[in-house]
Amino acid sequence: MMDKQREEQIDRWAKYVRESNGEWKKAHTEFINAQFEKSNAFYRRLALQPGGKEKIIRLFGIKNLEALPFLV
């Protein structure tokens, strides 16, 4: 069961999407891109730490290191 606050948040977003004439797409794209940027920045910082590259390789089960030269 969804809690009341989460349900209200979904209702607000749905209303915004219906009433924004497509403007929501820009806000949504910016949000998603920011999430990817933060994630990538974290992994770049982690790769610089002692044992960081090995942690990334294990975390994602990376087998083809040639595809990700920053990890070599």
PDB file of N, CA and C in Angstrom:
ATOM      1  N   MET A   1       0.845  -1.190   0.000  1.00  0.00           N
ATOM      2  CA  MET A   1       0.000   0.000   0.000  1.00  0.00           C
ATOM      3  C   MET A   1       0.885   1.246   0.000  1.00  0.00           C
ATOM      4  N   MET A   2       0.544   2.187  -0.834  1.00  0.00           N
ATOM      5  CA  MET A   2       1.309   3.407  -0.969  1.00  0.00           C
ATOM      6  C   MET A   2       0.946   4.384   0.156  1.00  0.00           C
ATOM      7  N   ASP A   3       1.962   5.060   0.711  1.00  0.00           N
ATOM      8  CA  ASP A   3       1.631   6.003   1.769  1.00  0.00           C
ATOM      9  C   ASP A   3       1.016   7.277   1.175  1.00  0.00           C
ATOM     10  N   LYS A   4       0.319   7.996   2.009  1.00  0.00           N
ATOM     11  CA  LYS A   4      -0.453   9.168   1.565  1.00  0.00           C
ATOM     12  C   LYS A   4       0.434  10.230   0.916  1.00  0.00           C
ATOM     13  N   GLN A   5       1.587  10.496   1.487  1.00  0.00           N
ATOM     14  CA  GLN A   5       2.476  11.523   0.945  1.00  0.00           C
ATOM     15  C   GLN A   5       2.952  11.151  -0.463  1.00  0.00           C
ATOM     16  N   ARG A   6       3.311   9.906  -0.656  1.00  0.00           N
ATOM     17  CA  ARG A   6       3.765   9.443  -1.980  1.00  0.00           C
ATOM     18  C   ARG A   6       2.632   9.541  -2.998  1.00  0.00           C
ATOM     19  N   GLU A   7       1.436   9.151  -2.576  1.00  0.00           N
ATOM     20  CA  GLU A   7       0.274   9.218  -3.461  1.00  0.00           C
ATOM     21  C   GLU A   7      -0.009  10.668  -3.874  1.00  0.00           C
ATOM     22  N   GLU A   8       0.093  11.599  -2.933  1.00  0.00           N
ATOM     23  CA  GLU A   8      -0.120  13.015  -3.244  1.00  0.00           C
ATOM     24  C   GLU A   8       0.942  13.531  -4.207  1.00  0.00           C
ATOM     25  N   GLN A   9       2.171  13.087  -4.028  1.00  0.00           N
ATOM     26  CA  GLN A   9       3.250  13.501  -4.919  1.00  0.00           C
ATOM     27  C   GLN A   9       2.971  13.017  -6.348  1.00  0.00           C
ATOM     28  N   ILE A  10       2.533  11.783  -6.489  1.00  0.00           N
ATOM     29  CA  ILE A  10       2.208  11.239  -7.810  1.00  0.00           C
ATOM     30  C   ILE A  10       1.045  12.010  -8.427  1.00  0.00           C
ATOM     31  N   ASP A  11       0.047  12.335  -7.627  1.00  0.00           N
ATOM     32  CA  ASP A  11      -1.089  13.105  -8.132  1.00  0.00           C
ATOM     33  C   ASP A  11      -0.650  14.492  -8.610  1.00  0.00           C
ATOM     34  N   ARG A  12       0.235  15.148  -7.862  1.00  0.00           N
ATOM     35  CA  ARG A  12       0.737  16.469  -8.277  1.00  0.00           C
ATOM     36  C   ARG A  12       1.498  16.375  -9.590  1.00  0.00           C
ATOM     37  N   TRP A  13       2.350  15.344  -9.716  1.00  0.00           N
ATOM     38  CA  TRP A  13       3.130  15.179 -10.949  1.00  0.00           C
ATOM     39  C   TRP A  13       2.191  14.907 -12.130  1.00  0.00           C
ATOM     40  N   ALA A  14       1.200  14.055 -11.941  1.00  0.00           N
ATOM     41  CA  ALA A  14       0.255  13.746 -13.015  1.00  0.00           C
ATOM     42  C   ALA A  14      -0.498  15.006 -13.456  1.00  0.00           C
ATOM     43  N   LYS A  15      -0.909  15.808 -12.494  1.00  0.00           N
ATOM     44  CA  LYS A  15      -1.602  17.057 -12.820  1.00  0.00           C
ATOM     45  C   LYS A  15      -0.665  17.994 -13.596  1.00  0.00           C
ATOM     46  N   TYR A  16       0.566  18.097 -13.161  1.00  0.00           N
ATOM     47  CA  TYR A  16       1.542  18.948 -13.851  1.00  0.00           C
ATOM     48  C   TYR A  16       1.745  18.479 -15.293  1.00  0.00           C
ATOM     49  N   VAL A  17       1.873  17.167 -15.490  1.00  0.00           N
ATOM     50  CA  VAL A  17       2.061  16.627 -16.836  1.00  0.00           C
ATOM     51  C   VAL A  17       0.865  16.959 -17.718  1.00  0.00           C
ATOM     52  N   ARG A  18      -0.340  16.781 -17.194  1.00  0.00           N
ATOM     53  CA  ARG A  18      -1.554  17.064 -17.977  1.00  0.00           C
ATOM     54  C   ARG A  18      -1.668  18.535 -18.349  1.00  0.00           C
ATOM     55  N   GLU A  19      -1.259  19.420 -17.452  1.00  0.00           N
ATOM     56  CA  GLU A  19      -1.511  20.848 -17.640  1.00  0.00           C
ATOM     57  C   GLU A  19      -0.335  21.633 -18.205  1.00  0.00           C
ATOM     58  N   SER A  20       0.806  20.997 -18.423  1.00  0.00           N
ATOM     59  CA  SER A  20       1.997  21.766 -18.784  1.00  0.00           C
ATOM     60  C   SER A  20       2.252  21.874 -20.281  1.00  0.00           C
ATOM     61  N   ASN A  21       1.387  21.304 -21.110  1.00  0.00           N
ATOM     62  CA  ASN A  21       1.556  21.371 -22.570  1.00  0.00           C
ATOM     63  C   ASN A  21       2.927  20.898 -23.027  1.00  0.00           C
ATOM     64  N   GLY A  22       3.415  19.848 -22.432  1.00  0.00           N
ATOM     65  CA  GLY A  22       4.693  19.270 -22.849  1.00  0.00           C
ATOM     66  C   GLY A  22       5.914  19.872 -22.185  1.00  0.00           C
ATOM     67  N   GLU A  23       5.747  20.936 -21.411  1.00  0.00           N
ATOM     68  CA  GLU A  23       6.894  21.555 -20.743  1.00  0.00           C
ATOM     69  C   GLU A  23       7.525  20.615 -19.712  1.00  0.00           C
ATOM     70  N   TRP A  24       6.755  19.665 -19.233  1.00  0.00           N
ATOM     71  CA  TRP A  24       7.252  18.709 -18.236  1.00  0.00           C
ATOM     72  C   TRP A  24       8.422  17.910 -18.777  1.00  0.00           C
ATOM     73  N   LYS A  25       8.455  17.716 -20.099  1.00  0.00           N
ATOM     74  CA  LYS A  25       9.512  16.893 -20.692  1.00  0.00           C
ATOM     75  C   LYS A  25      10.890  17.491 -20.441  1.00  0.00           C
ATOM     76  N   LYS A  26      10.989  18.815 -20.538  1.00  0.00           N
ATOM     77  CA  LYS A  26      12.285  19.470 -20.300  1.00  0.00           C
ATOM     78  C   LYS A  26      12.716  19.284 -18.849  1.00  0.00           C
ATOM     79  N   ALA A  27      11.799  19.502 -17.914  1.00  0.00           N
ATOM     80  CA  ALA A  27      12.122  19.345 -16.492  1.00  0.00           C
ATOM     81  C   ALA A  27      12.515  17.897 -16.187  1.00  0.00           C
ATOM     82  N   HIS A  28      11.796  16.971 -16.778  1.00  0.00           N
ATOM     83  CA  HIS A  28      12.077  15.549 -16.544  1.00  0.00           C
ATOM     84  C   HIS A  28      13.438  15.171 -17.116  1.00  0.00           C
ATOM     85  N   THR A  29      13.734  15.638 -18.325  1.00  0.00           N
ATOM     86  CA  THR A  29      15.022  15.347 -18.959  1.00  0.00           C
ATOM     87  C   THR A  29      16.171  15.926 -18.145  1.00  0.00           C
ATOM     88  N   GLU A  30      16.014  17.161 -17.665  1.00  0.00           N
ATOM     89  CA  GLU A  30      17.061  17.778 -16.848  1.00  0.00           C
ATOM     90  C   GLU A  30      17.290  16.980 -15.565  1.00  0.00           C
ATOM     91  N   PHE A  31      16.220  16.520 -14.948  1.00  0.00           N
ATOM     92  CA  PHE A  31      16.328  15.729 -13.722  1.00  0.00           C
ATOM     93  C   PHE A  31      17.077  14.428 -13.989  1.00  0.00           C
ATOM     94  N   ILE A  32      16.684  13.704 -15.022  1.00  0.00           N
ATOM     95  CA  ILE A  32      17.326  12.425 -15.348  1.00  0.00           C
ATOM     96  C   ILE A  32      18.795  12.641 -15.686  1.00  0.00           C
ATOM     97  N   ASN A  33      19.087  13.659 -16.489  1.00  0.00           N
ATOM     98  CA  ASN A  33      20.481  13.939 -16.846  1.00  0.00           C
ATOM     99  C   ASN A  33      21.318  14.272 -15.608  1.00  0.00           C
ATOM    100  N   ALA A  34      20.741  15.012 -14.681  1.00  0.00           N
ATOM    101  CA  ALA A  34      21.455  15.349 -13.448  1.00  0.00           C
ATOM    102  C   ALA A  34      21.761  14.089 -12.640  1.00  0.00           C
ATOM    103  N   GLN A  35      20.833  13.133 -12.640  1.00  0.00           N
ATOM    104  CA  GLN A  35      21.070  11.873 -11.923  1.00  0.00           C
ATOM    105  C   GLN A  35      22.247  11.119 -12.536  1.00  0.00           C
ATOM    106  N   PHE A  36      22.303  11.070 -13.871  1.00  0.00           N
ATOM    107  CA  PHE A  36      23.420  10.407 -14.544  1.00  0.00           C
ATOM    108  C   PHE A  36      24.735  11.138 -14.275  1.00  0.00           C
ATOM    109  N   GLU A  37      24.716  12.466 -14.295  1.00  0.00           N
ATOM    110  CA  GLU A  37      25.929  13.246 -14.044  1.00  0.00           C
ATOM    111  C   GLU A  37      26.461  12.985 -12.632  1.00  0.00           C
ATOM    112  N   LYS A  38      25.575  12.977 -11.650  1.00  0.00           N
ATOM    113  CA  LYS A  38      26.002  12.718 -10.267  1.00  0.00           C
ATOM    114  C   LYS A  38      26.573  11.313 -10.125  1.00  0.00           C
ATOM    115  N   SER A  39      25.913  10.355 -10.752  1.00  0.00           N
ATOM    116  CA  SER A  39      26.390   8.973 -10.698  1.00  0.00           C
ATOM    117  C   SER A  39      27.769   8.858 -11.343  1.00  0.00           C
ATOM    118  N   ASN A  40      27.927   9.435 -12.524  1.00  0.00           N
ATOM    119  CA  ASN A  40      29.216   9.370 -13.221  1.00  0.00           C
ATOM    120  C   ASN A  40      30.317  10.066 -12.430  1.00  0.00           C
ATOM    121  N   ALA A  41      29.994  11.199 -11.808  1.00  0.00           N
ATOM    122  CA  ALA A  41      30.991  11.914 -11.004  1.00  0.00           C
ATOM    123  C   ALA A  41      31.424  11.048  -9.823  1.00  0.00           C
ATOM    124  N   PHE A  42      30.472  10.359  -9.198  1.00  0.00           N
ATOM    125  CA  PHE A  42      30.800   9.468  -8.083  1.00  0.00           C
ATOM    126  C   PHE A  42      31.757   8.371  -8.534  1.00  0.00           C
ATOM    127  N   TYR A  43      31.447   7.731  -9.659  1.00  0.00           N
ATOM    128  CA  TYR A  43      32.301   6.631 -10.127  1.00  0.00           C
ATOM    129  C   TYR A  43      33.678   7.126 -10.551  1.00  0.00           C
ATOM    130  N   ARG A  44      33.757   8.342 -11.096  1.00  0.00           N
ATOM    131  CA  ARG A  44      35.076   8.902 -11.436  1.00  0.00           C
ATOM    132  C   ARG A  44      35.893   9.134 -10.163  1.00  0.00           C
ATOM    133  N   ARG A  45      35.250   9.668  -9.108  1.00  0.00           N
ATOM    134  CA  ARG A  45      35.954   9.875  -7.834  1.00  0.00           C
ATOM    135  C   ARG A  45      36.353   8.538  -7.213  1.00  0.00           C
ATOM    136  N   LEU A  46      35.459   7.567  -7.252  1.00  0.00           N
ATOM    137  CA  LEU A  46      35.751   6.254  -6.696  1.00  0.00           C
ATOM    138  C   LEU A  46      36.930   5.615  -7.424  1.00  0.00           C
ATOM    139  N   ALA A  47      36.990   5.770  -8.729  1.00  0.00           N
ATOM    140  CA  ALA A  47      38.074   5.173  -9.523  1.00  0.00           C
ATOM    141  C   ALA A  47      39.440   5.723  -9.117  1.00  0.00           C
ATOM    142  N   LEU A  48      39.472   6.933  -8.574  1.00  0.00           N
ATOM    143  CA  LEU A  48      40.736   7.553  -8.165  1.00  0.00           C
ATOM    144  C   LEU A  48      41.198   7.076  -6.782  1.00  0.00           C
ATOM    145  N   GLN A  49      40.304   6.463  -6.016  1.00  0.00           N
ATOM    146  CA  GLN A  49      40.638   5.990  -4.676  1.00  0.00           C
ATOM    147  C   GLN A  49      41.428   4.682  -4.744  1.00  0.00           C
ATOM    148  N   PRO A  50      42.252   4.402  -3.728  1.00  0.00           N
ATOM    149  CA  PRO A  50      42.954   3.116  -3.706  1.00  0.00           C
ATOM    150  C   PRO A  50      41.948   1.958  -3.767  1.00  0.00           C
ATOM    151  N   GLY A  51      42.114   1.091  -4.719  1.00  0.00           N
ATOM    152  CA  GLY A  51      41.219  -0.043  -4.898  1.00  0.00           C
ATOM    153  C   GLY A  51      39.874   0.318  -5.506  1.00  0.00           C
ATOM    154  N   GLY A  52      39.696   1.556  -5.880  1.00  0.00           N
ATOM    155  CA  GLY A  52      38.411   2.022  -6.408  1.00  0.00           C
ATOM    156  C   GLY A  52      38.030   1.370  -7.724  1.00  0.00           C
ATOM    157  N   LYS A  53      38.992   1.260  -8.622  1.00  0.00           N
ATOM    158  CA  LYS A  53      38.693   0.644  -9.922  1.00  0.00           C
ATOM    159  C   LYS A  53      38.274  -0.809  -9.748  1.00  0.00           C
ATOM    160  N   GLU A  54      38.944  -1.499  -8.861  1.00  0.00           N
ATOM    161  CA  GLU A  54      38.592  -2.898  -8.603  1.00  0.00           C
ATOM    162  C   GLU A  54      37.183  -3.008  -8.014  1.00  0.00           C
ATOM    163  N   LYS A  55      36.803  -2.058  -7.156  1.00  0.00           N
ATOM    164  CA  LYS A  55      35.462  -2.064  -6.583  1.00  0.00           C
ATOM    165  C   LYS A  55      34.400  -1.882  -7.671  1.00  0.00           C
ATOM    166  N   ILE A  56      34.657  -0.973  -8.595  1.00  0.00           N
ATOM    167  CA  ILE A  56      33.718  -0.732  -9.692  1.00  0.00           C
ATOM    168  C   ILE A  56      33.593  -1.984 -10.558  1.00  0.00           C
ATOM    169  N   ILE A  57      34.718  -2.611 -10.854  1.00  0.00           N
ATOM    170  CA  ILE A  57      34.718  -3.819 -11.683  1.00  0.00           C
ATOM    171  C   ILE A  57      33.900  -4.922 -11.013  1.00  0.00           C
ATOM    172  N   ARG A  58      34.098  -5.108  -9.702  1.00  0.00           N
ATOM    173  CA  ARG A  58      33.338  -6.130  -8.968  1.00  0.00           C
ATOM    174  C   ARG A  58      31.863  -5.779  -8.856  1.00  0.00           C
ATOM    175  N   LEU A  59      31.579  -4.519  -8.561  1.00  0.00           N
ATOM    176  CA  LEU A  59      30.200  -4.075  -8.376  1.00  0.00           C
ATOM    177  C   LEU A  59      29.343  -4.366  -9.596  1.00  0.00           C
ATOM    178  N   PHE A  60      29.889  -4.079 -10.765  1.00  0.00           N
ATOM    179  CA  PHE A  60      29.122  -4.250 -11.996  1.00  0.00           C
ATOM    180  C   PHE A  60      29.430  -5.560 -12.723  1.00  0.00           C
ATOM    181  N   GLY A  61      30.344  -6.352 -12.194  1.00  0.00           N
ATOM    182  CA  GLY A  61      30.686  -7.611 -12.843  1.00  0.00           C
ATOM    183  C   GLY A  61      31.281  -7.394 -14.231  1.00  0.00           C
ATOM    184  N   ILE A  62      32.108  -6.376 -14.351  1.00  0.00           N
ATOM    185  CA  ILE A  62      32.676  -6.009 -15.658  1.00  0.00           C
ATOM    186  C   ILE A  62      33.695  -7.059 -16.079  1.00  0.00           C
ATOM    187  N   LYS A  63      33.515  -7.566 -17.284  1.00  0.00           N
ATOM    188  CA  LYS A  63      34.430  -8.569 -17.821  1.00  0.00           C
ATOM    189  C   LYS A  63      35.295  -7.993 -18.949  1.00  0.00           C
ATOM    190  N   ASN A  64      34.738  -7.081 -19.738  1.00  0.00           N
ATOM    191  CA  ASN A  64      35.437  -6.519 -20.883  1.00  0.00           C
ATOM    192  C   ASN A  64      36.063  -5.170 -20.509  1.00  0.00           C
ATOM    193  N   LEU A  65      37.244  -5.204 -19.930  1.00  0.00           N
ATOM    194  CA  LEU A  65      37.905  -3.976 -19.479  1.00  0.00           C
ATOM    195  C   LEU A  65      38.343  -3.098 -20.645  1.00  0.00           C
ATOM    196  N   GLU A  66      38.512  -3.705 -21.827  1.00  0.00           N
ATOM    197  CA  GLU A  66      38.900  -2.912 -22.986  1.00  0.00           C
ATOM    198  C   GLU A  66      37.823  -1.910 -23.374  1.00  0.00           C
ATOM    199  N   ALA A  67      36.574  -2.194 -23.047  1.00  0.00           N
ATOM    200  CA  ALA A  67      35.471  -1.300 -23.369  1.00  0.00           C
ATOM    201  C   ALA A  67      35.446  -0.074 -22.451  1.00  0.00           C
ATOM    202  N   LEU A  68      36.129  -0.180 -21.309  1.00  0.00           N
ATOM    203  CA  LEU A  68      36.154   0.918 -20.338  1.00  0.00           C
ATOM    204  C   LEU A  68      37.602   1.244 -19.984  1.00  0.00           C
ATOM    205  N   PRO A  69      38.300   1.932 -20.874  1.00  0.00           N
ATOM    206  CA  PRO A  69      39.743   2.157 -20.660  1.00  0.00           C
ATOM    207  C   PRO A  69      40.084   2.895 -19.362  1.00  0.00           C
ATOM    208  N   PHE A  70      39.164   3.670 -18.805  1.00  0.00           N
ATOM    209  CA  PHE A  70      39.469   4.399 -17.565  1.00  0.00           C
ATOM    210  C   PHE A  70      39.635   3.445 -16.386  1.00  0.00           C
ATOM    211  N   LEU A  71      39.209   2.193 -16.546  1.00  0.00           N
ATOM    212  CA  LEU A  71      39.341   1.218 -15.467  1.00  0.00           C
ATOM    213  C   LEU A  71      40.626   0.412 -15.552  1.00  0.00           C
ATOM    214  N   VAL A  72      41.366   0.567 -16.623  1.00  0.00           N
ATOM    215  CA  VAL A  72      42.592  -0.224 -16.807  1.00  0.00           C
ATOM    216  C   VAL A  72      43.760   0.497 -16.166  1.00  0.00           C
TER     217      VAL A  72
END
